[in-house]
C-alpha atoms as a PDB file:
ATOM      1  CA  MET A   1      50.630 -64.691 -28.907  1.00  0.00           C
ATOM      2  CA  GLY A   2      50.201 -61.294 -27.239  1.00  0.00           C
ATOM      3  CA  ARG A   3      48.486 -59.712 -30.242  1.00  0.00           C
ATOM      4  CA  SER A   4      46.294 -62.761 -30.740  1.00  0.00           C
ATOM      5  CA  GLY A   5      45.236 -62.621 -27.094  1.00  0.00           C
ATOM      6  CA  ARG A   6      44.358 -58.918 -27.312  1.00  0.00           C
ATOM      7  CA  ARG A   7      42.305 -59.480 -30.478  1.00  0.00           C
ATOM      8  CA  LYS A   8      40.451 -62.337 -28.818  1.00  0.00           C
ATOM      9  CA  ARG A   9      39.637 -60.199 -25.748  1.00  0.00           C
ATOM     10  CA  ARG A  10      38.373 -57.361 -28.008  1.00  0.00           C
ATOM     11  CA  ARG A  11      36.091 -59.774 -29.842  1.00  0.00           C
ATOM     12  CA  GLN A  12      34.745 -61.085 -26.538  1.00  0.00           C
ATOM     13  CA  ARG A  13      34.036 -57.532 -25.302  1.00  0.00           C
ATOM     14  CA  THR A  14      32.329 -56.670 -28.586  1.00  0.00           C
ATOM     15  CA  GLY A  15      30.230 -59.828 -28.393  1.00  0.00           C
ATOM     16  CA  ARG A  16      29.133 -59.009 -24.839  1.00  0.00           C
ATOM     17  CA  ALA A  17      28.242 -55.456 -25.869  1.00  0.00           C
ATOM     18  CA  VAL A  18      26.129 -56.659 -28.782  1.00  0.00           C
ATOM     19  CA  ALA A  19      24.430 -59.253 -26.582  1.00  0.00           C
ATOM     20  CA  GLY A  20      23.670 -56.579 -24.009  1.00  0.00           C
ATOM     21  CA  THR A  21      22.189 -54.285 -26.651  1.00  0.00           C
ATOM     22  CA  THR A  22      20.030 -57.089 -28.012  1.00  0.00           C
ATOM     23  CA  ALA A  23      18.716 -57.863 -24.550  1.00  0.00           C
ATOM     24  CA  VAL A  24      17.727 -54.233 -23.940  1.00  0.00           C
ATOM     25  CA  GLU A  25      16.076 -53.563 -27.318  1.00  0.00           C
ATOM     26  CA  PRO A  26      12.798 -55.483 -26.710  1.00  0.00           C
ATOM     27  CA  VAL A  27      12.229 -53.473 -23.523  1.00  0.00           C
ATOM     28  CA  ALA A  28      12.755 -50.213 -25.385  1.00  0.00           C
ATOM     29  CA  ARG A  29      10.397 -51.291 -28.154  1.00  0.00           C
ATOM     30  CA  GLY A  30       7.557 -52.362 -25.820  1.00  0.00           C
ATOM     31  CA  ASN A  31       4.398 -50.268 -26.020  1.00  0.00           C
ATOM     32  CA  TRP A  32       3.877 -47.431 -23.564  1.00  0.00           C
ATOM     33  CA  PHE A  33       1.075 -49.104 -21.616  1.00  0.00           C
ATOM     34  CA  ARG A  34       3.064 -52.253 -20.809  1.00  0.00           C
ATOM     35  CA  ARG A  35       5.997 -50.215 -19.529  1.00  0.00           C
ATOM     36  CA  GLN A  36       3.835 -48.578 -16.874  1.00  0.00           C
ATOM     37  CA  GLY A  37       3.315 -49.850 -13.351  1.00  0.00           C
ATOM     38  CA  GLY A  38       0.126 -51.550 -12.214  1.00  0.00           C
ATOM     39  CA  GLY A  39      -1.240 -48.367 -10.638  1.00  0.00           C
ATOM     40  CA  VAL A  40      -0.747 -46.314 -13.785  1.00  0.00           C
ATOM     41  CA  GLN A  41      -2.312 -49.030 -15.936  1.00  0.00           C
ATOM     42  CA  THR A  42      -5.347 -49.112 -13.641  1.00  0.00           C
ATOM     43  CA  LEU A  43      -5.735 -45.331 -13.831  1.00  0.00           C
ATOM     44  CA  VAL A  44      -5.461 -45.424 -17.637  1.00  0.00           C
ATOM     45  CA  VAL A  45      -8.148 -48.112 -17.873  1.00  0.00           C
ATOM     46  CA  LEU A  46     -10.465 -46.251 -15.480  1.00  0.00           C
ATOM     47  CA  GLY A  47      -9.877 -43.011 -17.385  1.00  0.00           C
ATOM     48  CA  GLY A  48     -10.703 -44.758 -20.662  1.00  0.00           C
ATOM     49  CA  ILE A  49     -13.951 -46.131 -19.222  1.00  0.00           C
ATOM     50  CA  ALA A  50     -14.881 -42.675 -17.918  1.00  0.00           C
ATOM     51  CA  LEU A  51     -14.229 -41.147 -21.353  1.00  0.00           C
ATOM     52  CA  LEU A  52     -16.421 -43.795 -22.981  1.00  0.00           C
ATOM     53  CA  VAL A  53     -19.280 -43.072 -20.591  1.00  0.00           C
ATOM     54  CA  VAL A  54     -19.015 -39.296 -20.981  1.00  0.00           C
ATOM     55  CA  GLY A  55     -18.650 -39.597 -24.755  1.00  0.00           C
ATOM     56  CA  HIS A  56     -21.689 -41.878 -24.962  1.00  0.00           C
ATOM     57  CA  VAL A  57     -23.831 -39.448 -22.955  1.00  0.00           C
ATOM     58  CA  LEU A  58     -22.692 -36.440 -24.998  1.00  0.00           C
ATOM     59  CA  LEU A  59     -23.214 -38.247 -28.309  1.00  0.00           C
ATOM     60  CA  TRP A  60     -26.722 -39.445 -27.541  1.00  0.00           C
ATOM     61  CA  GLY A  61     -27.820 -36.534 -25.373  1.00  0.00           C
ATOM     62  CA  THR A  62     -26.400 -33.632 -27.404  1.00  0.00           C
ATOM     63  CA  VAL A  63     -24.958 -34.568 -30.810  1.00  0.00           C
ATOM     64  CA  PHE A  64     -27.651 -36.948 -32.067  1.00  0.00           C
ATOM     65  CA  PRO A  65     -30.633 -34.710 -31.207  1.00  0.00           C
ATOM     66  CA  ALA A  66     -28.925 -31.679 -32.804  1.00  0.00           C
ATOM     67  CA  VAL A  67     -27.942 -33.523 -35.994  1.00  0.00           C
ATOM     68  CA  GLY A  68     -31.310 -35.276 -36.182  1.00  0.00           C
ATOM     69  CA  ALA A  69     -33.144 -31.934 -36.033  1.00  0.00           C
ATOM     70  CA  VAL A  70     -31.116 -30.685 -39.023  1.00  0.00           C
ATOM     71  CA  VAL A  71     -31.413 -33.728 -41.306  1.00  0.00           C
ATOM     72  CA  GLY A  72     -34.775 -35.018 -40.067  1.00  0.00           C
ATOM     73  CA  PRO A  73     -36.929 -33.358 -42.763  1.00  0.00           C
ATOM     74  CA  VAL A  74     -35.160 -35.314 -45.556  1.00  0.00           C
ATOM     75  CA  PRO A  75     -35.689 -39.072 -44.957  1.00  0.00           C
ATOM     76  CA  VAL A  76     -32.893 -40.460 -47.162  1.00  0.00           C
ATOM     77  CA  VAL A  77     -30.301 -37.962 -45.932  1.00  0.00           C
ATOM     78  CA  SER A  78     -31.485 -38.520 -42.378  1.00  0.00           C
ATOM     79  CA  THR A  79     -31.024 -42.305 -42.558  1.00  0.00           C
ATOM     80  CA  VAL A  80     -27.607 -42.132 -44.224  1.00  0.00           C
ATOM     81  CA  THR A  81     -26.385 -39.514 -41.748  1.00  0.00           C
ATOM     82  CA  GLY A  82     -27.461 -41.625 -38.787  1.00  0.00           C
ATOM     83  CA  TRP A  83     -25.863 -44.731 -40.283  1.00  0.00           C
ATOM     84  CA  LEU A  84     -22.533 -42.953 -40.814  1.00  0.00           C
ATOM     85  CA  PHE A  85     -21.789 -42.720 -37.077  1.00  0.00           C
ATOM     86  CA  GLY A  86     -21.585 -46.500 -36.644  1.00  0.00           C
ATOM     87  CA  GLY A  87     -21.762 -48.110 -40.069  1.00  0.00           C
ATOM     88  CA  GLY A  88     -19.274 -45.665 -41.533  1.00  0.00           C
ATOM     89  CA  ALA A  89     -16.532 -47.214 -39.375  1.00  0.00           C
ATOM     90  CA  PHE A  90     -16.831 -50.494 -41.278  1.00  0.00           C
ATOM     91  CA  LEU A  91     -16.695 -48.566 -44.536  1.00  0.00           C
ATOM     92  CA  ALA A  92     -13.533 -46.800 -43.330  1.00  0.00           C
ATOM     93  CA  TRP A  93     -11.875 -50.133 -42.487  1.00  0.00           C
ATOM     94  CA  GLY A  94     -12.923 -51.456 -45.874  1.00  0.00           C
ATOM     95  CA  VAL A  95     -11.311 -48.545 -47.704  1.00  0.00           C
ATOM     96  CA  TYR A  96      -8.159 -48.992 -45.612  1.00  0.00           C
ATOM     97  CA  ALA A  97      -7.928 -52.737 -46.327  1.00  0.00           C
ATOM     98  CA  VAL A  98      -8.638 -52.388 -50.060  1.00  0.00           C
ATOM     99  CA  ASN A  99      -5.848 -49.824 -50.408  1.00  0.00           C
ATOM    100  CA  HIS A 100      -3.445 -51.496 -47.969  1.00  0.00           C
ATOM    101  CA  ASP A 101      -1.235 -53.092 -50.620  1.00  0.00           C
ATOM    102  CA  THR A 102      -1.439 -50.419 -53.326  1.00  0.00           C
ATOM    103  CA  ALA A 103      -1.491 -46.995 -51.661  1.00  0.00           C
ATOM    104  CA  LYS A 104       1.578 -45.109 -50.467  1.00  0.00           C
ATOM    105  CA  PRO A 105       2.652 -45.773 -46.846  1.00  0.00           C
ATOM    106  CA  GLU A 106       1.636 -42.276 -45.732  1.00  0.00           C
ATOM    107  CA  ALA A 107      -1.823 -42.687 -47.264  1.00  0.00           C
ATOM    108  CA  VAL A 108      -2.195 -46.102 -45.616  1.00  0.00           C
ATOM    109  CA  ARG A 109      -1.292 -44.619 -42.221  1.00  0.00           C
ATOM    110  CA  ARG A 110      -3.845 -41.836 -42.668  1.00  0.00           C
ATOM    111  CA  LEU A 111      -6.549 -44.305 -43.663  1.00  0.00           C
ATOM    112  CA  ARG A 112      -5.736 -46.471 -40.632  1.00  0.00           C
ATOM    113  CA  THR A 113      -5.927 -43.450 -38.319  1.00  0.00           C
ATOM    114  CA  VAL A 114      -9.299 -42.440 -39.745  1.00  0.00           C
ATOM    115  CA  ALA A 115     -10.594 -45.991 -39.305  1.00  0.00           C
ATOM    116  CA  TRP A 116      -9.480 -46.154 -35.666  1.00  0.00           C
ATOM    117  CA  VAL A 117     -10.975 -42.746 -34.816  1.00  0.00           C
ATOM    118  CA  TRP A 118     -14.219 -43.671 -36.561  1.00  0.00           C
ATOM    119  CA  SER A 119     -14.260 -46.962 -34.645  1.00  0.00           C
ATOM    120  CA  ALA A 120     -14.021 -45.052 -31.365  1.00  0.00           C
ATOM    121  CA  VAL A 121     -17.053 -42.982 -32.378  1.00  0.00           C
ATOM    122  CA  ALA A 122     -18.894 -46.155 -33.420  1.00  0.00           C
ATOM    123  CA  ALA A 123     -18.216 -47.700 -30.000  1.00  0.00           C
ATOM    124  CA  LEU A 124     -19.985 -44.733 -28.381  1.00  0.00           C
ATOM    125  CA  CYS A 125     -23.093 -45.478 -30.463  1.00  0.00           C
ATOM    126  CA  VAL A 126     -23.821 -48.820 -28.786  1.00  0.00           C
ATOM    127  CA  PRO A 127     -27.375 -48.486 -27.397  1.00  0.00           C
ATOM    128  CA  THR A 128     -27.952 -48.440 -23.643  1.00  0.00           C
ATOM    129  CA  GLY A 129     -30.878 -47.668 -21.388  1.00  0.00           C
ATOM    130  CA  TYR A 130     -29.915 -44.012 -21.574  1.00  0.00           C
ATOM    131  CA  ALA A 131     -29.831 -44.114 -25.386  1.00  0.00           C
ATOM    132  CA  ASP A 132     -33.262 -45.750 -25.567  1.00  0.00           C
ATOM    133  CA  GLY A 133     -34.739 -42.752 -23.784  1.00  0.00           C
ATOM    134  CA  ILE A 134     -33.537 -40.232 -26.402  1.00  0.00           C
ATOM    135  CA  SER A 135     -36.178 -39.068 -28.891  1.00  0.00           C
ATOM    136  CA  LEU A 136     -34.916 -38.811 -32.511  1.00  0.00           C
ATOM    137  CA  PRO A 137     -36.551 -38.412 -35.944  1.00  0.00           C
ATOM    138  CA  VAL A 138     -37.603 -41.853 -37.119  1.00  0.00           C
ATOM    139  CA  ASP A 139     -35.415 -41.966 -40.241  1.00  0.00           C
ATOM    140  CA  PHE A 140     -32.369 -40.691 -38.387  1.00  0.00           C
ATOM    141  CA  TRP A 141     -33.094 -43.122 -35.543  1.00  0.00           C
ATOM    142  CA  ALA A 142     -33.265 -46.022 -38.030  1.00  0.00           C
ATOM    143  CA  GLY A 143     -29.854 -45.161 -39.467  1.00  0.00           C
ATOM    144  CA  VAL A 144     -28.282 -44.697 -36.037  1.00  0.00           C
ATOM    145  CA  TYR A 145     -29.607 -47.992 -34.723  1.00  0.00           C
ATOM    146  CA  ALA A 146     -28.613 -49.889 -37.858  1.00  0.00           C
ATOM    147  CA  GLY A 147     -25.013 -48.764 -37.435  1.00  0.00           C
ATOM    148  CA  ALA A 148     -25.071 -49.201 -33.653  1.00  0.00           C
ATOM    149  CA  TYR A 149     -26.409 -52.753 -33.750  1.00  0.00           C
ATOM    150  CA  GLY A 150     -23.945 -53.464 -36.549  1.00  0.00           C
ATOM    151  CA  VAL A 151     -21.181 -52.670 -34.068  1.00  0.00           C
ATOM    152  CA  VAL A 152     -22.759 -54.972 -31.470  1.00  0.00           C
ATOM    153  CA  ALA A 153     -23.154 -57.782 -34.028  1.00  0.00           C
ATOM    154  CA  ALA A 154     -19.628 -57.373 -35.465  1.00  0.00           C
ATOM    155  CA  PRO A 155     -18.100 -60.336 -33.525  1.00  0.00           C
ATOM    156  CA  LEU A 156     -20.921 -62.593 -34.739  1.00  0.00           C
ATOM    157  CA  ALA A 157     -20.466 -61.307 -38.297  1.00  0.00           C
ATOM    158  CA  VAL A 158     -16.736 -62.079 -38.132  1.00  0.00           C
ATOM    159  CA  GLY A 159     -17.541 -65.640 -37.034  1.00  0.00           C
ATOM    160  CA  VAL A 160     -20.037 -66.101 -39.878  1.00  0.00           C
ATOM    161  CA  VAL A 161     -17.570 -64.771 -42.460  1.00  0.00           C
ATOM    162  CA  ALA A 162     -14.768 -66.983 -41.120  1.00  0.00           C
ATOM    163  CA  LEU A 163     -17.028 -70.037 -41.260  1.00  0.00           C
ATOM    164  CA  GLY A 164     -18.179 -69.164 -44.788  1.00  0.00           C
ATOM    165  CA  TRP A 165     -14.579 -68.669 -45.937  1.00  0.00           C
ATOM    166  CA  TRP A 166     -13.603 -72.024 -44.465  1.00  0.00           C
ATOM    167  CA  LEU A 167     -16.497 -73.848 -46.133  1.00  0.00           C
ATOM    168  CA  LEU A 168     -16.478 -72.159 -49.538  1.00  0.00           C
ATOM    169  CA  VAL A 169     -12.797 -71.447 -50.104  1.00  0.00           C
ATOM    170  CA  THR A 170     -10.880 -73.956 -47.998  1.00  0.00           C
ATOM    171  CA  LYS A 171     -13.166 -76.975 -48.311  1.00  0.00           C
ATOM    172  CA  LEU A 172     -15.019 -76.556 -51.620  1.00  0.00           C
ATOM    173  CA  ALA A 173     -12.436 -74.619 -53.656  1.00  0.00           C
ATOM    174  CA  ARG A 174      -9.561 -76.330 -51.786  1.00  0.00           C
ATOM    175  CA  ARG A 175      -7.507 -73.146 -51.614  1.00  0.00           C
ATOM    176  CA  ARG A 176      -5.169 -72.601 -48.699  1.00  0.00           C
ATOM    177  CA  GLY A 177      -4.274 -69.359 -47.005  1.00  0.00           C
ATOM    178  CA  GLU A 178      -6.063 -66.466 -45.367  1.00  0.00           C
ATOM    179  CA  PRO A 179      -8.151 -63.895 -47.281  1.00  0.00           C
ATOM    180  CA  SER A 180      -6.204 -61.048 -48.851  1.00  0.00           C
ATOM    181  CA  HIS A 181      -6.410 -57.467 -47.636  1.00  0.00           C
ATOM    182  CA  GLN A 182      -8.610 -56.599 -50.599  1.00  0.00           C
ATOM    183  CA  ALA A 183     -10.989 -59.466 -49.856  1.00  0.00           C
ATOM    184  CA  ILE A 184     -11.281 -58.350 -46.223  1.00  0.00           C
ATOM    185  CA  GLY A 185     -11.807 -54.776 -47.378  1.00  0.00           C
ATOM    186  CA  TRP A 186     -14.677 -55.664 -49.689  1.00  0.00           C
ATOM    187  CA  ILE A 187     -16.246 -57.789 -46.946  1.00  0.00           C
ATOM    188  CA  CYS A 188     -16.179 -54.746 -44.641  1.00  0.00           C
ATOM    189  CA  VAL A 189     -17.697 -52.557 -47.360  1.00  0.00           C
ATOM    190  CA  GLY A 190     -20.399 -55.163 -48.002  1.00  0.00           C
ATOM    191  CA  TYR A 191     -21.221 -55.337 -44.281  1.00  0.00           C
ATOM    192  CA  ALA A 192     -21.487 -51.546 -44.081  1.00  0.00           C
ATOM    193  CA  VAL A 193     -23.827 -51.452 -47.096  1.00  0.00           C
ATOM    194  CA  LEU A 194     -25.915 -54.260 -45.590  1.00  0.00           C
ATOM    195  CA  LEU A 195     -26.378 -52.193 -42.427  1.00  0.00           C
ATOM    196  CA  LEU A 196     -27.458 -49.200 -44.483  1.00  0.00           C
ATOM    197  CA  VAL A 197     -30.018 -51.309 -46.355  1.00  0.00           C
ATOM    198  CA  TRP A 198     -31.235 -52.654 -43.022  1.00  0.00           C
ATOM    199  CA  GLY A 199     -31.671 -49.151 -41.669  1.00  0.00           C
ATOM    200  CA  SER A 200     -33.536 -48.089 -44.809  1.00  0.00           C
ATOM    201  CA  THR A 201     -35.951 -51.012 -44.959  1.00  0.00           C
ATOM    202  CA  LEU A 202     -36.091 -53.666 -42.272  1.00  0.00           C
ATOM    203  CA  LEU A 203     -36.265 -51.254 -39.330  1.00  0.00           C
ATOM    204  CA  ARG A 204     -39.429 -49.765 -40.833  1.00  0.00           C
ATOM    205  CA  LEU A 205     -41.322 -53.098 -41.004  1.00  0.00           C
END
């Protein structure tokens, strides 16, 4: 009976230790922002907003005029270069999604990092009153605004694509399930190309 009692107590202690470890793990795995206090979170948010404002001013006030002066003499190059700042982010996400299931994990991580960084640059392109006052070569301006308004219209585009998928695939084709990574990737690529075509044609009408 003595040995049986000792074994039972050891199992109980082991069970409590495992339970304690399980309870602590979710806290350790939480992201850095959530682990911070309210004051730190507020400072991080305010710092992020300040960086966005400064980045927007630098991009439109310094980077765009300098790049536009270089590529301005060549219309096609000028439009594509301007489009790359905003529209290129959708292309980057498309490449990431298309290769998500086939590329090596390291390559997928690199593609995801590039897409996120490019998205941050694209967010700085959103036009404001300050941006409207910046003078740029017309072809470069058309490309920049095509990509910038593509970023603004992205939530609407997502809604249109979701509705189209529901009507065409779920209702008409009667197929269940969400679109694959490759399908999402090609949709992103198509949206990026559409913005480039818009910058090359419709903005000139």
